[in-house]
Amino acid sequence: MHTKSKLQSGFTLAEMAIVIVLGGILLAAGLMAGRGQISRTQAQDVIQIANDLQTGALAFKQRYGYLPGDWIFVANQIQGVAAGGTGGTTGNGLIEGTLDAVTGVATALNEIGQAPVQLYQASLIGKMGTATTARLQSQFGPVHMAGAAANATAAYIAANPSVLNVIVFYNLPCEVVLDVDRALDNGVATNGKVMVDAATCNGGATAVRTFIPL
């Protein structure tokens, strides 16, 4: 009497179920690892923007004596930059003006709106957009240099009383914020020098505003 081997008879239902479950676990793990890698790459882009603005603002102050936007106009010192129209008190150390807390729109002629123009015309940043109310952008939304007192939250100001000006990123996913915070601060998005404007910032959510010291 002949009998079929296990190999010839194929997989049992239990064995097939185990294979399917293991395949699902591996697929889920792969997707999570992929999302994590994407988040870290996006965080590096945000960090690069922040570094470029911090470096550019410092170089601008060393060259001209004032922060971009807060610069006291000197004719012909920066080609393509006209006098007036800043809407603030130039030379006081603050990049003045206000931002819409939701959309990230700045008043075009205030110091916030002028700051990226002056950096760009001084060849201290490589590019800017044409929208006068939001010339700098990350892949998620507007980016601004702005006075902390008028544009950061009370919680941020209380935690960072020495920070006069901030870089404000709009609409960053919380996964990206946390990666940025781990790289630049304490890994907690609701306190420290890198902070969001909400009480929590968890996976799947979006921070309307994220503040980083300029």
C-alpha atoms as a PDB file:
ATOM      1  CA  MET A   1       0.000   0.000   0.000  1.00  0.00           C
ATOM      2  CA  HIS A   2       1.389   3.350  -1.018  1.00  0.00           C
ATOM      3  CA  THR A   3       1.002   6.569   1.053  1.00  0.00           C
ATOM      4  CA  LYS A   4       1.628  10.154  -0.037  1.00  0.00           C
ATOM      5  CA  SER A   5       4.384  12.076   1.694  1.00  0.00           C
ATOM      6  CA  LYS A   6       3.638  15.310   3.543  1.00  0.00           C
ATOM      7  CA  LEU A   7       5.402  17.253   0.806  1.00  0.00           C
ATOM      8  CA  GLN A   8       3.155  15.684  -1.825  1.00  0.00           C
ATOM      9  CA  SER A   9      -0.028  16.329   0.140  1.00  0.00           C
ATOM     10  CA  GLY A  10       0.691  20.112   0.455  1.00  0.00           C
ATOM     11  CA  PHE A  11       0.146  22.454   3.411  1.00  0.00           C
ATOM     12  CA  THR A  12      -2.542  21.860   5.990  1.00  0.00           C
ATOM     13  CA  LEU A  13      -5.014  24.650   6.774  1.00  0.00           C
ATOM     14  CA  ALA A  14      -3.234  25.301  10.088  1.00  0.00           C
ATOM     15  CA  GLU A  15       0.121  25.663   8.364  1.00  0.00           C
ATOM     16  CA  MET A  16      -1.345  28.019   5.758  1.00  0.00           C
ATOM     17  CA  ALA A  17      -2.887  30.126   8.509  1.00  0.00           C
ATOM     18  CA  ILE A  18       0.481  30.392  10.258  1.00  0.00           C
ATOM     19  CA  VAL A  19       2.154  31.477   7.012  1.00  0.00           C
ATOM     20  CA  ILE A  20      -0.527  34.129   6.405  1.00  0.00           C
ATOM     21  CA  VAL A  21      -0.218  35.490   9.967  1.00  0.00           C
ATOM     22  CA  LEU A  22       3.569  35.628   9.778  1.00  0.00           C
ATOM     23  CA  GLY A  23       3.366  37.331   6.381  1.00  0.00           C
ATOM     24  CA  GLY A  24       1.015  39.962   7.803  1.00  0.00           C
ATOM     25  CA  ILE A  25       3.340  40.637  10.731  1.00  0.00           C
ATOM     26  CA  LEU A  26       6.336  41.045   8.441  1.00  0.00           C
ATOM     27  CA  LEU A  27       4.375  43.322   6.112  1.00  0.00           C
ATOM     28  CA  ALA A  28       3.210  45.507   8.995  1.00  0.00           C
ATOM     29  CA  ALA A  29       6.745  45.703  10.366  1.00  0.00           C
ATOM     30  CA  GLY A  30       8.033  46.683   6.945  1.00  0.00           C
ATOM     31  CA  LEU A  31       5.416  49.398   6.558  1.00  0.00           C
ATOM     32  CA  MET A  32       6.195  50.800  10.006  1.00  0.00           C
ATOM     33  CA  ALA A  33       9.917  50.817   9.245  1.00  0.00           C
ATOM     34  CA  GLY A  34       9.229  52.548   5.929  1.00  0.00           C
ATOM     35  CA  ARG A  35       7.099  55.231   7.566  1.00  0.00           C
ATOM     36  CA  GLY A  36       9.783  55.755  10.189  1.00  0.00           C
ATOM     37  CA  GLN A  37      12.432  56.243   7.521  1.00  0.00           C
ATOM     38  CA  ILE A  38      10.231  58.723   5.645  1.00  0.00           C
ATOM     39  CA  SER A  39       9.599  60.649   8.879  1.00  0.00           C
ATOM     40  CA  ARG A  40      13.315  60.833   9.650  1.00  0.00           C
ATOM     41  CA  THR A  41      14.072  62.073   6.142  1.00  0.00           C
ATOM     42  CA  GLN A  42      11.377  64.731   6.430  1.00  0.00           C
ATOM     43  CA  ALA A  43      12.730  65.721   9.842  1.00  0.00           C
ATOM     44  CA  GLN A  44      16.199  66.182   8.331  1.00  0.00           C
ATOM     45  CA  ASP A  45      14.681  68.557   5.775  1.00  0.00           C
ATOM     46  CA  VAL A  46      13.097  70.605   8.578  1.00  0.00           C
ATOM     47  CA  ILE A  47      16.355  70.637  10.536  1.00  0.00           C
ATOM     48  CA  GLN A  48      18.236  71.781   7.436  1.00  0.00           C
ATOM     49  CA  ILE A  49      15.822  74.685   6.924  1.00  0.00           C
ATOM     50  CA  ALA A  50      16.196  75.699  10.582  1.00  0.00           C
ATOM     51  CA  ASN A  51      19.992  75.467  10.378  1.00  0.00           C
ATOM     52  CA  ASP A  52      20.067  77.524   7.179  1.00  0.00           C
ATOM     53  CA  LEU A  53      17.951  80.285   8.745  1.00  0.00           C
ATOM     54  CA  GLN A  54      19.917  80.304  12.003  1.00  0.00           C
ATOM     55  CA  THR A  55      23.224  80.447  10.130  1.00  0.00           C
ATOM     56  CA  GLY A  56      21.943  83.045   7.675  1.00  0.00           C
ATOM     57  CA  ALA A  57      20.511  85.285  10.398  1.00  0.00           C
ATOM     58  CA  LEU A  58      23.765  85.131  12.377  1.00  0.00           C
ATOM     59  CA  ALA A  59      25.842  85.952   9.286  1.00  0.00           C
ATOM     60  CA  PHE A  60      23.481  88.815   8.429  1.00  0.00           C
ATOM     61  CA  LYS A  61      23.834  90.287  11.929  1.00  0.00           C
ATOM     62  CA  GLN A  62      27.613  89.960  11.821  1.00  0.00           C
ATOM     63  CA  ARG A  63      27.741  91.664   8.417  1.00  0.00           C
ATOM     64  CA  TYR A  64      25.161  94.432   8.862  1.00  0.00           C
ATOM     65  CA  GLY A  65      24.791  94.755  12.636  1.00  0.00           C
ATOM     66  CA  TYR A  66      21.116  93.761  12.775  1.00  0.00           C
ATOM     67  CA  LEU A  67      18.893  90.757  12.229  1.00  0.00           C
ATOM     68  CA  PRO A  68      17.194  90.368   8.837  1.00  0.00           C
ATOM     69  CA  GLY A  69      13.924  92.280   8.828  1.00  0.00           C
ATOM     70  CA  ASP A  70      15.124  94.336  11.788  1.00  0.00           C
ATOM     71  CA  TRP A  71      17.906  95.860   9.683  1.00  0.00           C
ATOM     72  CA  ILE A  72      18.174  99.659   9.597  1.00  0.00           C
ATOM     73  CA  PHE A  73      18.176 100.494   5.914  1.00  0.00           C
ATOM     74  CA  VAL A  74      21.374 101.788   4.355  1.00  0.00           C
ATOM     75  CA  ALA A  75      21.013 102.799   0.706  1.00  0.00           C
ATOM     76  CA  ASN A  76      22.810 100.519  -1.767  1.00  0.00           C
ATOM     77  CA  GLN A  77      24.175  98.294   0.986  1.00  0.00           C
ATOM     78  CA  ILE A  78      22.012  95.363  -0.118  1.00  0.00           C
ATOM     79  CA  GLN A  79      21.085  95.369  -3.785  1.00  0.00           C
ATOM     80  CA  GLY A  80      17.370  94.945  -4.403  1.00  0.00           C
ATOM     81  CA  VAL A  81      16.257  95.958  -0.905  1.00  0.00           C
ATOM     82  CA  ALA A  82      14.262  99.164  -0.659  1.00  0.00           C
ATOM     83  CA  ALA A  83      13.928 101.411   2.379  1.00  0.00           C
ATOM     84  CA  GLY A  84      10.821 101.568   4.520  1.00  0.00           C
ATOM     85  CA  GLY A  85       7.774  99.357   4.733  1.00  0.00           C
ATOM     86  CA  THR A  86       8.906  97.199   7.643  1.00  0.00           C
ATOM     87  CA  GLY A  87       6.029  98.174   9.928  1.00  0.00           C
ATOM     88  CA  GLY A  88       8.126  97.776  13.070  1.00  0.00           C
ATOM     89  CA  THR A  89      10.854  99.430  15.109  1.00  0.00           C
ATOM     90  CA  THR A  90      14.030  98.577  13.245  1.00  0.00           C
ATOM     91  CA  GLY A  91      17.177  97.904  15.215  1.00  0.00           C
ATOM     92  CA  ASN A  92      15.496  96.710  18.423  1.00  0.00           C
ATOM     93  CA  GLY A  93      16.531  93.053  18.091  1.00  0.00           C
ATOM     94  CA  LEU A  94      13.038  91.768  17.271  1.00  0.00           C
ATOM     95  CA  ILE A  95      11.674  90.597  13.923  1.00  0.00           C
ATOM     96  CA  GLU A  96       8.352  92.320  14.394  1.00  0.00           C
ATOM     97  CA  GLY A  97       4.946  91.640  12.925  1.00  0.00           C
ATOM     98  CA  THR A  98       2.259  89.036  13.361  1.00  0.00           C
ATOM     99  CA  LEU A  99       1.366  85.761  11.720  1.00  0.00           C
ATOM    100  CA  ASP A 100      -2.010  84.161  11.222  1.00  0.00           C
ATOM    101  CA  ALA A 101      -1.919  81.364  13.798  1.00  0.00           C
ATOM    102  CA  VAL A 102      -3.676  78.936  11.448  1.00  0.00           C
ATOM    103  CA  THR A 103      -2.692  79.780   7.866  1.00  0.00           C
ATOM    104  CA  GLY A 104       0.824  81.110   8.481  1.00  0.00           C
ATOM    105  CA  VAL A 105       0.216  84.265   6.442  1.00  0.00           C
ATOM    106  CA  ALA A 106       2.393  87.260   7.334  1.00  0.00           C
ATOM    107  CA  THR A 107       1.718  90.900   6.609  1.00  0.00           C
ATOM    108  CA  ALA A 108       3.730  91.395   3.434  1.00  0.00           C
ATOM    109  CA  LEU A 109       5.475  94.639   4.414  1.00  0.00           C
ATOM    110  CA  ASN A 110       6.226  93.974   8.066  1.00  0.00           C
ATOM    111  CA  GLU A 111       9.627  92.850   9.371  1.00  0.00           C
ATOM    112  CA  ILE A 112       8.607  89.193   9.207  1.00  0.00           C
ATOM    113  CA  GLY A 113       7.777  89.576   5.532  1.00  0.00           C
ATOM    114  CA  GLN A 114      10.978  91.480   4.808  1.00  0.00           C
ATOM    115  CA  ALA A 115      13.359  89.151   6.670  1.00  0.00           C
ATOM    116  CA  PRO A 116      13.613  86.421   4.002  1.00  0.00           C
ATOM    117  CA  VAL A 117      13.909  89.040   1.242  1.00  0.00           C
ATOM    118  CA  GLN A 118      16.867  90.642   2.971  1.00  0.00           C
ATOM    119  CA  LEU A 119      18.517  87.267   3.600  1.00  0.00           C
ATOM    120  CA  TYR A 120      18.031  86.255  -0.010  1.00  0.00           C
ATOM    121  CA  GLN A 121      19.246  89.552  -1.476  1.00  0.00           C
ATOM    122  CA  ALA A 122      22.298  89.343   0.786  1.00  0.00           C
ATOM    123  CA  SER A 123      22.970  85.856  -0.704  1.00  0.00           C
ATOM    124  CA  LEU A 124      22.621  84.182   2.691  1.00  0.00           C
ATOM    125  CA  ILE A 125      19.834  81.822   1.650  1.00  0.00           C
ATOM    126  CA  GLY A 126      19.628  80.175  -1.724  1.00  0.00           C
ATOM    127  CA  LYS A 127      15.975  80.576  -2.634  1.00  0.00           C
ATOM    128  CA  MET A 128      12.621  82.031  -1.650  1.00  0.00           C
ATOM    129  CA  GLY A 129       9.122  81.967  -3.077  1.00  0.00           C
ATOM    130  CA  THR A 130       7.162  84.716  -4.780  1.00  0.00           C
ATOM    131  CA  ALA A 131       4.286  84.872  -2.263  1.00  0.00           C
ATOM    132  CA  THR A 132       4.968  88.019  -0.244  1.00  0.00           C
ATOM    133  CA  THR A 133       3.067  86.653   2.774  1.00  0.00           C
ATOM    134  CA  ALA A 134       4.907  83.318   2.934  1.00  0.00           C
ATOM    135  CA  ARG A 135       8.190  83.404   1.014  1.00  0.00           C
ATOM    136  CA  LEU A 136       9.701  80.428   2.812  1.00  0.00           C
ATOM    137  CA  GLN A 137       8.099  76.989   2.766  1.00  0.00           C
ATOM    138  CA  SER A 138       8.807  73.486   3.973  1.00  0.00           C
ATOM    139  CA  GLN A 139       7.064  70.621   2.214  1.00  0.00           C
ATOM    140  CA  PHE A 140       4.285  70.956   4.796  1.00  0.00           C
ATOM    141  CA  GLY A 141       3.603  74.691   4.920  1.00  0.00           C
ATOM    142  CA  PRO A 142       4.934  78.199   5.579  1.00  0.00           C
ATOM    143  CA  VAL A 143       8.111  78.908   7.547  1.00  0.00           C
ATOM    144  CA  HIS A 144       8.817  82.288   9.172  1.00  0.00           C
ATOM    145  CA  MET A 145      11.368  84.069  11.343  1.00  0.00           C
ATOM    146  CA  ALA A 146       9.396  86.070  13.886  1.00  0.00           C
ATOM    147  CA  GLY A 147       9.473  87.738  17.273  1.00  0.00           C
ATOM    148  CA  ALA A 148       8.603  85.211  19.976  1.00  0.00           C
ATOM    149  CA  ALA A 149       6.543  87.553  22.148  1.00  0.00           C
ATOM    150  CA  ALA A 150       4.003  88.253  19.408  1.00  0.00           C
ATOM    151  CA  ASN A 151       3.945  84.864  17.696  1.00  0.00           C
ATOM    152  CA  ALA A 152       4.876  82.045  20.081  1.00  0.00           C
ATOM    153  CA  THR A 153       2.573  80.629  22.735  1.00  0.00           C
ATOM    154  CA  ALA A 154       2.623  81.779  26.357  1.00  0.00           C
ATOM    155  CA  ALA A 155       3.910  78.326  27.313  1.00  0.00           C
ATOM    156  CA  TYR A 156       6.851  78.631  24.932  1.00  0.00           C
ATOM    157  CA  ILE A 157       7.722  82.136  26.160  1.00  0.00           C
ATOM    158  CA  ALA A 158       7.536  81.012  29.794  1.00  0.00           C
ATOM    159  CA  ALA A 159       9.794  78.031  29.097  1.00  0.00           C
ATOM    160  CA  ASN A 160      12.251  80.076  27.006  1.00  0.00           C
ATOM    161  CA  PRO A 161      12.336  83.649  28.324  1.00  0.00           C
ATOM    162  CA  SER A 162      15.724  84.360  26.707  1.00  0.00           C
ATOM    163  CA  VAL A 163      14.523  83.469  23.183  1.00  0.00           C
ATOM    164  CA  LEU A 164      13.580  86.723  21.441  1.00  0.00           C
ATOM    165  CA  ASN A 165      12.935  85.367  17.940  1.00  0.00           C
ATOM    166  CA  VAL A 166      11.766  81.997  16.705  1.00  0.00           C
ATOM    167  CA  ILE A 167      11.486  80.021  13.503  1.00  0.00           C
ATOM    168  CA  VAL A 168       7.847  79.023  13.081  1.00  0.00           C
ATOM    169  CA  PHE A 169       7.025  75.919  11.038  1.00  0.00           C
ATOM    170  CA  TYR A 170       3.406  75.325  10.078  1.00  0.00           C
ATOM    171  CA  ASN A 171       1.586  71.988   9.726  1.00  0.00           C
ATOM    172  CA  LEU A 172       4.384  69.582  10.617  1.00  0.00           C
ATOM    173  CA  PRO A 173       3.216  65.992  11.261  1.00  0.00           C
ATOM    174  CA  CYS A 174       3.819  65.064  14.889  1.00  0.00           C
ATOM    175  CA  GLU A 175       6.043  62.145  13.829  1.00  0.00           C
ATOM    176  CA  VAL A 176       8.312  64.683  12.120  1.00  0.00           C
ATOM    177  CA  VAL A 177       8.176  67.074  15.094  1.00  0.00           C
ATOM    178  CA  LEU A 178       9.250  64.306  17.460  1.00  0.00           C
ATOM    179  CA  ASP A 179      12.184  63.343  15.227  1.00  0.00           C
ATOM    180  CA  VAL A 180      13.213  67.012  15.039  1.00  0.00           C
ATOM    181  CA  ASP A 181      12.851  67.368  18.811  1.00  0.00           C
ATOM    182  CA  ARG A 182      14.961  64.284  19.456  1.00  0.00           C
ATOM    183  CA  ALA A 183      17.693  65.719  17.228  1.00  0.00           C
ATOM    184  CA  LEU A 184      17.641  69.293  18.546  1.00  0.00           C
ATOM    185  CA  ASP A 185      16.153  69.209  22.033  1.00  0.00           C
ATOM    186  CA  ASN A 186      14.816  66.787  24.644  1.00  0.00           C
ATOM    187  CA  GLY A 187      12.541  64.554  22.578  1.00  0.00           C
ATOM    188  CA  VAL A 188       9.367  65.993  24.138  1.00  0.00           C
ATOM    189  CA  ALA A 189       7.332  68.171  21.788  1.00  0.00           C
ATOM    190  CA  THR A 190       5.435  70.019  24.506  1.00  0.00           C
ATOM    191  CA  ASN A 191       8.362  71.533  26.412  1.00  0.00           C
ATOM    192  CA  GLY A 192      11.917  72.707  25.911  1.00  0.00           C
ATOM    193  CA  LYS A 193      13.394  74.832  23.141  1.00  0.00           C
ATOM    194  CA  VAL A 194      11.539  72.984  20.364  1.00  0.00           C
ATOM    195  CA  MET A 195       7.809  73.083  21.104  1.00  0.00           C
ATOM    196  CA  VAL A 196       4.450  72.769  19.419  1.00  0.00           C
ATOM    197  CA  ASP A 197       1.501  75.058  20.109  1.00  0.00           C
ATOM    198  CA  ALA A 198      -0.677  72.334  21.647  1.00  0.00           C
ATOM    199  CA  ALA A 199      -0.811  70.305  24.850  1.00  0.00           C
ATOM    200  CA  THR A 200      -0.113  67.053  22.994  1.00  0.00           C
ATOM    201  CA  CYS A 201       1.487  65.949  19.745  1.00  0.00           C
ATOM    202  CA  ASN A 202       0.955  62.264  19.055  1.00  0.00           C
ATOM    203  CA  GLY A 203       1.355  59.966  16.072  1.00  0.00           C
ATOM    204  CA  GLY A 204      -1.098  60.687  13.285  1.00  0.00           C
ATOM    205  CA  ALA A 205      -1.707  64.273  14.419  1.00  0.00           C
ATOM    206  CA  THR A 206      -0.414  67.535  12.960  1.00  0.00           C
ATOM    207  CA  ALA A 207       1.098  70.458  14.859  1.00  0.00           C
ATOM    208  CA  VAL A 208      -0.277  73.738  13.497  1.00  0.00           C
ATOM    209  CA  ARG A 209       2.824  75.589  14.704  1.00  0.00           C
ATOM    210  CA  THR A 210       6.227  74.362  15.839  1.00  0.00           C
ATOM    211  CA  PHE A 211       8.699  76.822  17.375  1.00  0.00           C
ATOM    212  CA  ILE A 212      12.494  76.579  17.168  1.00  0.00           C
ATOM    213  CA  PRO A 213      14.829  79.331  18.446  1.00  0.00           C
ATOM    214  CA  LEU A 214      16.307  81.575  15.785  1.00  0.00           C
END
